Full PDB file with SEQRES, HELIX, SHEET, SSBOND, CRYST1, ORIGX, SCALE, CONECT and MASTER records, all heavy atoms in Angstrom:
SEQRES   1 A   37  ARG PRO PRO THR GLY ASP SER PRO PHE LYS HIS THR PHE          
SEQRES   2 A   37  LYS GLU VAL ALA CYS ILE ASP SER LYS HIS LEU ASP VAL          
SEQRES   3 A   37  TRP GLN VAL GLY TRP SER TYR ALA GLY ASP CYS                  
CRYST1    1.000    1.000    1.000  90.00  90.00  90.00 P 1           1          
ORIGX1      1.000000  0.000000  0.000000        0.00000                         
ORIGX2      0.000000  1.000000  0.000000        0.00000                         
ORIGX3      0.000000  0.000000  1.000000        0.00000                         
SCALE1      1.000000  0.000000  0.000000        0.00000                         
SCALE2      0.000000  1.000000  0.000000        0.00000                         
SCALE3      0.000000  0.000000  1.000000        0.00000                         
ATOM      1  N   ARG A   1    -109.640-117.210 -17.077  1.00  0.00           N  
ATOM      2  CA  ARG A   1    -108.113-116.896 -16.918  1.00  0.00           C  
ATOM      3  C   ARG A   1    -107.421-117.580 -17.928  1.00  0.00           C  
ATOM      4  O   ARG A   1    -107.000-118.638 -17.884  1.00  0.00           O  
ATOM      5  CB  ARG A   1    -107.761-117.224 -15.499  1.00  0.00           C  
ATOM      6  CG  ARG A   1    -108.298-116.260 -14.359  1.00  0.00           C  
ATOM      7  CD  ARG A   1    -107.936-117.005 -12.999  1.00  0.00           C  
ATOM      8  NE  ARG A   1    -106.496-116.978 -12.824  1.00  0.00           N  
ATOM      9  CZ  ARG A   1    -105.721-115.932 -12.356  1.00  0.00           C  
ATOM     10  NH1 ARG A   1    -106.239-114.827 -12.157  1.00  0.00           N  
ATOM     11  NH2 ARG A   1    -104.476-116.047 -12.236  1.00  0.00           N  
ATOM     12  N   PRO A   2    -107.155-116.885 -19.084  1.00  0.00           N  
ATOM     13  CA  PRO A   2    -106.387-117.484 -20.077  1.00  0.00           C  
ATOM     14  C   PRO A   2    -104.900-117.485 -19.685  1.00  0.00           C  
ATOM     15  O   PRO A   2    -104.601-116.572 -18.808  1.00  0.00           O  
ATOM     16  CB  PRO A   2    -106.700-116.601 -21.230  1.00  0.00           C  
ATOM     17  CG  PRO A   2    -106.978-115.299 -20.654  1.00  0.00           C  
ATOM     18  CD  PRO A   2    -107.721-115.525 -19.474  1.00  0.00           C  
ATOM     19  N   PRO A   3    -104.052-118.304 -20.166  1.00  0.00           N  
ATOM     20  CA  PRO A   3    -102.541-118.294 -19.963  1.00  0.00           C  
ATOM     21  C   PRO A   3    -102.026-116.966 -20.330  1.00  0.00           C  
ATOM     22  O   PRO A   3    -102.353-116.432 -21.374  1.00  0.00           O  
ATOM     23  CB  PRO A   3    -102.134-119.486 -20.531  1.00  0.00           C  
ATOM     24  CG  PRO A   3    -103.003-119.867 -21.764  1.00  0.00           C  
ATOM     25  CD  PRO A   3    -104.369-119.366 -21.186  1.00  0.00           C  
ATOM     26  N   THR A   4    -101.084-116.455 -19.459  1.00  0.00           N  
ATOM     27  CA  THR A   4    -100.433-115.283 -19.825  1.00  0.00           C  
ATOM     28  C   THR A   4     -99.046-115.648 -20.661  1.00  0.00           C  
ATOM     29  O   THR A   4     -98.539-114.702 -21.339  1.00  0.00           O  
ATOM     30  CB  THR A   4     -99.974-114.488 -18.493  1.00  0.00           C  
ATOM     31  OG1 THR A   4     -99.093-115.397 -17.789  1.00  0.00           O  
ATOM     32  CG2 THR A   4    -101.187-114.037 -17.708  1.00  0.00           C  
ATOM     33  N   GLY A   5     -98.688-116.854 -20.569  1.00  0.00           N  
ATOM     34  CA  GLY A   5     -97.605-117.338 -21.414  1.00  0.00           C  
ATOM     35  C   GLY A   5     -98.145-118.596 -22.186  1.00  0.00           C  
ATOM     36  O   GLY A   5     -99.211-119.088 -21.973  1.00  0.00           O  
ATOM     37  N   ASP A   6     -97.375-118.993 -23.172  1.00  0.00           N  
ATOM     38  CA  ASP A   6     -97.873-120.127 -24.024  1.00  0.00           C  
ATOM     39  C   ASP A   6     -98.156-121.347 -23.224  1.00  0.00           C  
ATOM     40  O   ASP A   6     -97.362-121.761 -22.450  1.00  0.00           O  
ATOM     41  CB  ASP A   6     -96.740-120.455 -25.142  1.00  0.00           C  
ATOM     42  CG  ASP A   6     -96.668-119.359 -26.155  1.00  0.00           C  
ATOM     43  OD1 ASP A   6     -97.613-118.638 -26.354  1.00  0.00           O  
ATOM     44  OD2 ASP A   6     -95.600-119.297 -26.829  1.00  0.00           O  
ATOM     45  N   SER A   7     -99.303-121.933 -23.397  1.00  0.00           N  
ATOM     46  CA  SER A   7     -99.660-123.100 -22.904  1.00  0.00           C  
ATOM     47  C   SER A   7    -100.004-124.101 -24.057  1.00  0.00           C  
ATOM     48  O   SER A   7    -101.123-124.012 -24.667  1.00  0.00           O  
ATOM     49  CB  SER A   7    -100.915-122.888 -21.912  1.00  0.00           C  
ATOM     50  OG  SER A   7    -101.307-124.303 -21.490  1.00  0.00           O  
ATOM     51  N   PRO A   8     -99.111-125.086 -24.279  1.00  0.00           N  
ATOM     52  CA  PRO A   8     -99.242-125.919 -25.501  1.00  0.00           C  
ATOM     53  C   PRO A   8    -100.241-127.120 -25.224  1.00  0.00           C  
ATOM     54  O   PRO A   8     -99.947-128.084 -25.886  1.00  0.00           O  
ATOM     55  CB  PRO A   8     -97.882-126.324 -25.807  1.00  0.00           C  
ATOM     56  CG  PRO A   8     -97.190-126.415 -24.449  1.00  0.00           C  
ATOM     57  CD  PRO A   8     -97.847-125.342 -23.548  1.00  0.00           C  
ATOM     58  N   PHE A   9    -101.211-126.994 -24.342  1.00  0.00           N  
ATOM     59  CA  PHE A   9    -102.082-128.024 -24.036  1.00  0.00           C  
ATOM     60  C   PHE A   9    -103.399-127.693 -24.226  1.00  0.00           C  
ATOM     61  O   PHE A   9    -103.925-126.701 -24.152  1.00  0.00           O  
ATOM     62  CB  PHE A   9    -101.868-128.546 -22.575  1.00  0.00           C  
ATOM     63  CG  PHE A   9    -100.360-128.730 -22.147  1.00  0.00           C  
ATOM     64  CD1 PHE A   9     -99.756-127.735 -21.421  1.00  0.00           C  
ATOM     65  CD2 PHE A   9     -99.725-129.950 -22.690  1.00  0.00           C  
ATOM     66  CE1 PHE A   9     -98.345-128.049 -20.946  1.00  0.00           C  
ATOM     67  CE2 PHE A   9     -98.356-130.037 -22.309  1.00  0.00           C  
ATOM     68  CZ  PHE A   9     -97.661-129.209 -21.559  1.00  0.00           C  
ATOM     69  N   LYS A  10    -104.195-128.813 -24.698  1.00  0.00           N  
ATOM     70  CA  LYS A  10    -105.719-128.676 -24.604  1.00  0.00           C  
ATOM     71  C   LYS A  10    -106.196-129.789 -23.690  1.00  0.00           C  
ATOM     72  O   LYS A  10    -105.542-130.851 -23.403  1.00  0.00           O  
ATOM     73  CB  LYS A  10    -106.215-128.829 -26.028  1.00  0.00           C  
ATOM     74  CG  LYS A  10    -106.079-130.238 -26.645  1.00  0.00           C  
ATOM     75  CD  LYS A  10    -106.825-130.215 -27.999  1.00  0.00           C  
ATOM     76  CE  LYS A  10    -106.709-131.758 -28.649  1.00  0.00           C  
ATOM     77  NZ  LYS A  10    -107.344-131.754 -29.933  1.00  0.00           N  
ATOM     78  N   HIS A  11    -107.426-129.634 -23.133  1.00  0.00           N  
ATOM     79  CA  HIS A  11    -107.944-130.460 -22.119  1.00  0.00           C  
ATOM     80  C   HIS A  11    -109.466-130.811 -22.590  1.00  0.00           C  
ATOM     81  O   HIS A  11    -110.169-129.968 -22.954  1.00  0.00           O  
ATOM     82  CB  HIS A  11    -107.953-129.841 -20.743  1.00  0.00           C  
ATOM     83  CG  HIS A  11    -106.669-129.279 -20.378  1.00  0.00           C  
ATOM     84  ND1 HIS A  11    -105.634-129.985 -19.863  1.00  0.00           N  
ATOM     85  CD2 HIS A  11    -106.206-128.000 -20.428  1.00  0.00           C  
ATOM     86  CE1 HIS A  11    -104.573-129.250 -19.596  1.00  0.00           C  
ATOM     87  NE2 HIS A  11    -104.829-127.923 -20.045  1.00  0.00           N  
ATOM     88  N   THR A  12    -109.639-132.075 -22.497  1.00  0.00           N  
ATOM     89  CA  THR A  12    -111.067-132.547 -22.695  1.00  0.00           C  
ATOM     90  C   THR A  12    -111.383-133.601 -21.444  1.00  0.00           C  
ATOM     91  O   THR A  12    -110.488-134.038 -20.802  1.00  0.00           O  
ATOM     92  CB  THR A  12    -111.228-133.216 -23.998  1.00  0.00           C  
ATOM     93  OG1 THR A  12    -110.234-134.438 -23.956  1.00  0.00           O  
ATOM     94  CG2 THR A  12    -110.941-132.435 -25.162  1.00  0.00           C  
ATOM     95  N   PHE A  13    -112.720-133.868 -21.188  1.00  0.00           N  
ATOM     96  CA  PHE A  13    -113.054-134.768 -20.246  1.00  0.00           C  
ATOM     97  C   PHE A  13    -114.216-135.595 -20.576  1.00  0.00           C  
ATOM     98  O   PHE A  13    -114.936-135.384 -21.535  1.00  0.00           O  
ATOM     99  CB  PHE A  13    -113.497-133.954 -18.833  1.00  0.00           C  
ATOM    100  CG  PHE A  13    -114.826-133.472 -18.963  1.00  0.00           C  
ATOM    101  CD1 PHE A  13    -115.779-134.185 -18.475  1.00  0.00           C  
ATOM    102  CD2 PHE A  13    -115.073-132.204 -19.357  1.00  0.00           C  
ATOM    103  CE1 PHE A  13    -117.161-133.681 -18.381  1.00  0.00           C  
ATOM    104  CE2 PHE A  13    -116.364-131.620 -19.327  1.00  0.00           C  
ATOM    105  CZ  PHE A  13    -117.339-132.408 -18.852  1.00  0.00           C  
ATOM    106  N   LYS A  14    -114.249-136.656 -19.921  1.00  0.00           N  
ATOM    107  CA  LYS A  14    -115.505-137.667 -19.998  1.00  0.00           C  
ATOM    108  C   LYS A  14    -115.925-138.084 -18.637  1.00  0.00           C  
ATOM    109  O   LYS A  14    -115.080-138.562 -17.861  1.00  0.00           O  
ATOM    110  CB  LYS A  14    -115.135-138.881 -20.776  1.00  0.00           C  
ATOM    111  CG  LYS A  14    -116.236-139.873 -21.112  1.00  0.00           C  
ATOM    112  CD  LYS A  14    -115.758-140.905 -22.185  1.00  0.00           C  
ATOM    113  CE  LYS A  14    -114.685-141.718 -21.689  1.00  0.00           C  
ATOM    114  NZ  LYS A  14    -114.371-142.860 -22.681  1.00  0.00           N  
ATOM    115  N   GLU A  15    -117.240-137.936 -18.406  1.00  0.00           N  
ATOM    116  CA  GLU A  15    -117.867-138.534 -17.237  1.00  0.00           C  
ATOM    117  C   GLU A  15    -117.862-140.067 -17.457  1.00  0.00           C  
ATOM    118  O   GLU A  15    -118.751-140.561 -18.253  1.00  0.00           O  
ATOM    119  CB  GLU A  15    -119.149-137.932 -16.950  1.00  0.00           C  
ATOM    120  CG  GLU A  15    -119.762-138.420 -15.576  1.00  0.00           C  
ATOM    121  CD  GLU A  15    -121.213-137.883 -15.411  1.00  0.00           C  
ATOM    122  OE1 GLU A  15    -121.407-136.599 -15.128  1.00  0.00           O  
ATOM    123  OE2 GLU A  15    -122.059-138.686 -15.359  1.00  0.00           O  
ATOM    124  N   VAL A  16    -117.276-140.814 -16.641  1.00  0.00           N  
ATOM    125  CA  VAL A  16    -117.189-142.252 -16.791  1.00  0.00           C  
ATOM    126  C   VAL A  16    -118.008-143.023 -15.753  1.00  0.00           C  
ATOM    127  O   VAL A  16    -118.367-144.205 -15.918  1.00  0.00           O  
ATOM    128  CB  VAL A  16    -115.754-142.747 -16.753  1.00  0.00           C  
ATOM    129  CG1 VAL A  16    -114.991-142.268 -18.000  1.00  0.00           C  
ATOM    130  CG2 VAL A  16    -115.062-142.512 -15.475  1.00  0.00           C  
ATOM    131  N   ALA A  17    -118.478-142.318 -14.778  1.00  0.00           N  
ATOM    132  CA  ALA A  17    -119.334-143.039 -13.750  1.00  0.00           C  
ATOM    133  C   ALA A  17    -120.244-141.998 -13.021  1.00  0.00           C  
ATOM    134  O   ALA A  17    -119.685-140.781 -12.756  1.00  0.00           O  
ATOM    135  CB  ALA A  17    -118.578-143.774 -12.816  1.00  0.00           C  
ATOM    136  N   CYS A  18    -121.473-142.262 -12.715  1.00  0.00           N  
ATOM    137  CA  CYS A  18    -122.239-141.514 -11.886  1.00  0.00           C  
ATOM    138  C   CYS A  18    -122.941-142.497 -10.925  1.00  0.00           C  
ATOM    139  O   CYS A  18    -123.897-143.229 -11.235  1.00  0.00           O  
ATOM    140  CB  CYS A  18    -123.440-140.859 -12.820  1.00  0.00           C  
ATOM    141  SG  CYS A  18    -124.321-139.608 -11.980  1.00  0.00           S  
ATOM    142  N   ILE A  19    -122.365-142.519  -9.604  1.00  0.00           N  
ATOM    143  CA  ILE A  19    -122.695-143.516  -8.691  1.00  0.00           C  
ATOM    144  C   ILE A  19    -123.756-143.060  -7.693  1.00  0.00           C  
ATOM    145  O   ILE A  19    -123.527-142.049  -7.187  1.00  0.00           O  
ATOM    146  CB  ILE A  19    -121.395-144.017  -7.939  1.00  0.00           C  
ATOM    147  CG1 ILE A  19    -120.208-144.466  -8.891  1.00  0.00           C  
ATOM    148  CG2 ILE A  19    -121.767-145.139  -7.010  1.00  0.00           C  
ATOM    149  CD1 ILE A  19    -118.975-144.430  -8.225  1.00  0.00           C  
ATOM    150  N   ASP A  20    -124.847-143.808  -7.616  1.00  0.00           N  
ATOM    151  CA  ASP A  20    -125.808-143.430  -6.600  1.00  0.00           C  
ATOM    152  C   ASP A  20    -125.153-144.023  -5.346  1.00  0.00           C  
ATOM    153  O   ASP A  20    -125.233-145.119  -4.953  1.00  0.00           O  
ATOM    154  CB  ASP A  20    -127.181-144.095  -6.947  1.00  0.00           C  
ATOM    155  CG  ASP A  20    -128.242-143.767  -5.892  1.00  0.00           C  
ATOM    156  OD1 ASP A  20    -127.932-143.025  -4.845  1.00  0.00           O  
ATOM    157  OD2 ASP A  20    -129.421-143.995  -6.186  1.00  0.00           O  
ATOM    158  N   SER A  21    -124.690-142.996  -4.544  1.00  0.00           N  
ATOM    159  CA  SER A  21    -124.010-143.305  -3.294  1.00  0.00           C  
ATOM    160  C   SER A  21    -124.916-143.835  -2.208  1.00  0.00           C  
ATOM    161  O   SER A  21    -124.327-144.243  -1.199  1.00  0.00           O  
ATOM    162  CB  SER A  21    -123.251-141.936  -2.707  1.00  0.00           C  
ATOM    163  OG  SER A  21    -124.205-141.095  -2.303  1.00  0.00           O  
ATOM    164  N   LYS A  22    -126.190-143.705  -2.294  1.00  0.00           N  
ATOM    165  CA  LYS A  22    -127.117-144.023  -1.257  1.00  0.00           C  
ATOM    166  C   LYS A  22    -127.087-143.085  -0.021  1.00  0.00           C  
ATOM    167  O   LYS A  22    -127.824-143.186   0.889  1.00  0.00           O  
ATOM    168  CB  LYS A  22    -126.881-145.440  -0.740  1.00  0.00           C  
ATOM    169  CG  LYS A  22    -126.828-146.495  -1.798  1.00  0.00           C  
ATOM    170  CD  LYS A  22    -126.555-147.887  -1.395  1.00  0.00           C  
ATOM    171  CE  LYS A  22    -126.368-148.949  -2.428  1.00  0.00           C  
ATOM    172  NZ  LYS A  22    -125.983-150.239  -2.042  1.00  0.00           N  
ATOM    173  N   HIS A  23    -126.165-141.944  -0.185  1.00  0.00           N  
ATOM    174  CA  HIS A  23    -126.280-140.899   0.720  1.00  0.00           C  
ATOM    175  C   HIS A  23    -127.279-139.817   0.255  1.00  0.00           C  
ATOM    176  O   HIS A  23    -127.331-139.693  -0.964  1.00  0.00           O  
ATOM    177  CB  HIS A  23    -124.851-140.222   0.889  1.00  0.00           C  
ATOM    178  CG  HIS A  23    -123.768-141.026   1.187  1.00  0.00           C  
ATOM    179  ND1 HIS A  23    -123.665-141.805   2.390  1.00  0.00           N  
ATOM    180  CD2 HIS A  23    -122.658-141.351   0.495  1.00  0.00           C  
ATOM    181  CE1 HIS A  23    -122.513-142.497   2.383  1.00  0.00           C  
ATOM    182  NE2 HIS A  23    -121.815-142.187   1.222  1.00  0.00           N  
ATOM    183  N   LEU A  24    -128.017-139.232   1.065  1.00  0.00           N  
ATOM    184  CA  LEU A  24    -128.896-138.226   0.698  1.00  0.00           C  
ATOM    185  C   LEU A  24    -128.157-136.957   0.140  1.00  0.00           C  
ATOM    186  O   LEU A  24    -128.616-136.268  -0.782  1.00  0.00           O  
ATOM    187  CB  LEU A  24    -129.903-137.695   1.828  1.00  0.00           C  
ATOM    188  CG  LEU A  24    -130.851-138.937   2.115  1.00  0.00           C  
ATOM    189  CD1 LEU A  24    -131.739-138.255   3.223  1.00  0.00           C  
ATOM    190  CD2 LEU A  24    -131.743-139.328   0.990  1.00  0.00           C  
ATOM    191  N   ASP A  25    -126.895-136.748   0.719  1.00  0.00           N  
ATOM    192  CA  ASP A  25    -126.032-135.700   0.391  1.00  0.00           C  
ATOM    193  C   ASP A  25    -124.725-136.245   0.713  1.00  0.00           C  
ATOM    194  O   ASP A  25    -124.331-136.575   1.785  1.00  0.00           O  
ATOM    195  CB  ASP A  25    -126.470-134.574   1.267  1.00  0.00           C  
ATOM    196  CG  ASP A  25    -125.873-133.284   0.878  1.00  0.00           C  
ATOM    197  OD1 ASP A  25    -124.870-133.244   0.202  1.00  0.00           O  
ATOM    198  OD2 ASP A  25    -126.289-132.106   1.394  1.00  0.00           O  
ATOM    199  N   VAL A  26    -123.855-136.103  -0.344  1.00  0.00           N  
ATOM    200  CA  VAL A  26    -122.483-136.616  -0.315  1.00  0.00           C  
ATOM    201  C   VAL A  26    -121.619-135.433   0.182  1.00  0.00           C  
ATOM    202  O   VAL A  26    -121.556-134.468  -0.347  1.00  0.00           O  
ATOM    203  CB  VAL A  26    -121.961-137.101  -1.586  1.00  0.00           C  
ATOM    204  CG1 VAL A  26    -120.523-137.622  -1.423  1.00  0.00           C  
ATOM    205  CG2 VAL A  26    -122.855-138.109  -2.201  1.00  0.00           C  
ATOM    206  N   TRP A  27    -120.916-135.678   1.389  1.00  0.00           N  
ATOM    207  CA  TRP A  27    -120.138-134.685   2.052  1.00  0.00           C  
ATOM    208  C   TRP A  27    -118.604-134.802   1.823  1.00  0.00           C  
ATOM    209  O   TRP A  27    -117.970-133.848   1.728  1.00  0.00           O  
ATOM    210  CB  TRP A  27    -120.435-134.600   3.528  1.00  0.00           C  
ATOM    211  CG  TRP A  27    -121.734-133.882   3.669  1.00  0.00           C  
ATOM    212  CD1 TRP A  27    -123.019-134.400   3.966  1.00  0.00           C  
ATOM    213  CD2 TRP A  27    -121.927-132.410   3.766  1.00  0.00           C  
ATOM    214  NE1 TRP A  27    -123.803-133.346   4.200  1.00  0.00           N  
ATOM    215  CE2 TRP A  27    -123.243-132.120   4.228  1.00  0.00           C  
ATOM    216  CE3 TRP A  27    -120.999-131.381   3.745  1.00  0.00           C  
ATOM    217  CZ2 TRP A  27    -123.789-130.834   4.233  1.00  0.00           C  
ATOM    218  CZ3 TRP A  27    -121.515-130.079   3.938  1.00  0.00           C  
ATOM    219  CH2 TRP A  27    -122.891-129.790   4.078  1.00  0.00           C  
ATOM    220  N   GLN A  28    -118.167-136.045   1.658  1.00  0.00           N  
ATOM    221  CA  GLN A  28    -116.794-136.263   1.400  1.00  0.00           C  
ATOM    222  C   GLN A  28    -116.619-137.444   0.384  1.00  0.00           C  
ATOM    223  O   GLN A  28    -117.467-138.420   0.410  1.00  0.00           O  
ATOM    224  CB  GLN A  28    -116.113-136.610   2.756  1.00  0.00           C  
ATOM    225  CG  GLN A  28    -115.917-135.461   3.656  1.00  0.00           C  
ATOM    226  CD  GLN A  28    -115.149-135.804   4.954  1.00  0.00           C  
ATOM    227  OE1 GLN A  28    -115.305-136.848   5.461  1.00  0.00           O  
ATOM    228  NE2 GLN A  28    -114.265-134.924   5.346  1.00  0.00           N  
ATOM    229  N   VAL A  29    -115.566-137.316  -0.429  1.00  0.00           N  
ATOM    230  CA  VAL A  29    -115.156-138.351  -1.357  1.00  0.00           C  
ATOM    231  C   VAL A  29    -113.712-138.305  -1.492  1.00  0.00           C  
ATOM    232  O   VAL A  29    -113.066-137.369  -1.351  1.00  0.00           O  
ATOM    233  CB  VAL A  29    -115.822-138.038  -2.720  1.00  0.00           C  
ATOM    234  CG1 VAL A  29    -115.376-136.841  -3.393  1.00  0.00           C  
ATOM    235  CG2 VAL A  29    -115.660-139.293  -3.603  1.00  0.00           C  
ATOM    236  N   GLY A  30    -113.102-139.478  -1.532  1.00  0.00           N  
ATOM    237  CA  GLY A  30    -111.675-139.612  -1.673  1.00  0.00           C  
ATOM    238  C   GLY A  30    -111.246-140.896  -2.392  1.00  0.00           C  
ATOM    239  O   GLY A  30    -111.935-141.913  -2.353  1.00  0.00           O  
ATOM    240  N   TRP A  31    -109.978-140.792  -2.927  1.00  0.00           N  
ATOM    241  CA  TRP A  31    -109.341-141.900  -3.572  1.00  0.00           C  
ATOM    242  C   TRP A  31    -108.485-142.677  -2.655  1.00  0.00           C  
ATOM    243  O   TRP A  31    -107.916-142.104  -1.758  1.00  0.00           O  
ATOM    244  CB  TRP A  31    -108.639-141.498  -4.806  1.00  0.00           C  
ATOM    245  CG  TRP A  31    -109.442-140.972  -5.972  1.00  0.00           C  
ATOM    246  CD1 TRP A  31    -109.729-139.811  -6.352  1.00  0.00           C  
ATOM    247  CD2 TRP A  31    -110.202-141.832  -6.904  1.00  0.00           C  
ATOM    248  NE1 TRP A  31    -110.477-139.642  -7.382  1.00  0.00           N  
ATOM    249  CE2 TRP A  31    -110.784-140.931  -7.877  1.00  0.00           C  
ATOM    250  CE3 TRP A  31    -110.277-143.189  -7.189  1.00  0.00           C  
ATOM    251  CZ2 TRP A  31    -111.482-141.289  -8.849  1.00  0.00           C  
ATOM    252  CZ3 TRP A  31    -111.107-143.595  -8.234  1.00  0.00           C  
ATOM    253  CH2 TRP A  31    -111.644-142.719  -9.132  1.00  0.00           C  
ATOM    254  N   SER A  32    -108.338-144.048  -2.908  1.00  0.00           N  
ATOM    255  CA  SER A  32    -107.126-144.644  -2.223  1.00  0.00           C  
ATOM    256  C   SER A  32    -105.986-144.218  -2.917  1.00  0.00           C  
ATOM    257  O   SER A  32    -105.862-143.614  -3.932  1.00  0.00           O  
ATOM    258  CB  SER A  32    -107.357-146.214  -2.452  1.00  0.00           C  
ATOM    259  OG  SER A  32    -107.238-146.511  -3.830  1.00  0.00           O  
ATOM    260  N   TYR A  33    -104.753-144.530  -2.207  1.00  0.00           N  
ATOM    261  CA  TYR A  33    -103.494-144.157  -2.780  1.00  0.00           C  
ATOM    262  C   TYR A  33    -103.193-144.610  -4.177  1.00  0.00           C  
ATOM    263  O   TYR A  33    -102.607-143.875  -4.997  1.00  0.00           O  
ATOM    264  CB  TYR A  33    -102.336-144.457  -1.816  1.00  0.00           C  
ATOM    265  CG  TYR A  33    -101.027-144.060  -2.244  1.00  0.00           C  
ATOM    266  CD1 TYR A  33    -100.701-142.712  -1.944  1.00  0.00           C  
ATOM    267  CD2 TYR A  33    -100.086-144.766  -2.916  1.00  0.00           C  
ATOM    268  CE1 TYR A  33     -99.377-142.058  -2.263  1.00  0.00           C  
ATOM    269  CE2 TYR A  33     -98.873-144.158  -3.382  1.00  0.00           C  
ATOM    270  CZ  TYR A  33     -98.542-142.807  -2.983  1.00  0.00           C  
ATOM    271  OH  TYR A  33     -97.291-142.340  -3.363  1.00  0.00           O  
ATOM    272  N   ALA A  34    -103.622-145.814  -4.526  1.00  0.00           N  
ATOM    273  CA  ALA A  34    -103.432-146.397  -5.764  1.00  0.00           C  
ATOM    274  C   ALA A  34    -104.454-145.888  -6.758  1.00  0.00           C  
ATOM    275  O   ALA A  34    -104.266-146.134  -8.028  1.00  0.00           O  
ATOM    276  CB  ALA A  34    -103.466-147.947  -5.777  1.00  0.00           C  
ATOM    277  N   GLY A  35    -105.437-145.207  -6.390  1.00  0.00           N  
ATOM    278  CA  GLY A  35    -106.543-144.735  -7.311  1.00  0.00           C  
ATOM    279  C   GLY A  35    -107.423-145.784  -7.825  1.00  0.00           C  
ATOM    280  O   GLY A  35    -107.987-145.484  -8.869  1.00  0.00           O  
ATOM    281  N   ASP A  36    -107.554-146.818  -7.115  1.00  0.00           N  
ATOM    282  CA  ASP A  36    -108.474-147.898  -7.557  1.00  0.00           C  
ATOM    283  C   ASP A  36    -109.602-148.145  -6.783  1.00  0.00           C  
ATOM    284  O   ASP A  36    -110.542-148.985  -7.081  1.00  0.00           O  
ATOM    285  CB  ASP A  36    -107.773-149.172  -7.835  1.00  0.00           C  
ATOM    286  CG  ASP A  36    -107.176-149.686  -6.471  1.00  0.00           C  
ATOM    287  OD1 ASP A  36    -107.102-148.853  -5.456  1.00  0.00           O  
ATOM    288  OD2 ASP A  36    -106.658-150.813  -6.424  1.00  0.00           O  
ATOM    289  N   CYS A  37    -109.760-147.385  -5.765  1.00  0.00           N  
ATOM    290  CA  CYS A  37    -110.912-147.408  -4.678  1.00  0.00           C  
ATOM    291  C   CYS A  37    -111.427-146.080  -4.336  1.00  0.00           C  
ATOM    292  O   CYS A  37    -110.565-145.191  -4.315  1.00  0.00           O  
ATOM    293  CB  CYS A  37    -110.549-148.266  -3.471  1.00  0.00           C  
ATOM    294  SG  CYS A  37    -110.187-149.927  -3.755  1.00  0.00           S  
TER     295      CYS A  37                                                      
MASTER        0    0    0    0    0    0    0    6  294    1    0    3          
END                                                                             
C-alpha cells in the first residue's frame, strides 16, 4: 500500500534483542509505561 499523498519519510529497523522467553509459545508481550521493562 504505497502512500496516495507525499510521504517524506523512510523507515529502517534493527533487531536488537532475541530473548529466549522460556515459554514454549509466547502468547502475550507488553511494555511498561516507561518502555524500560
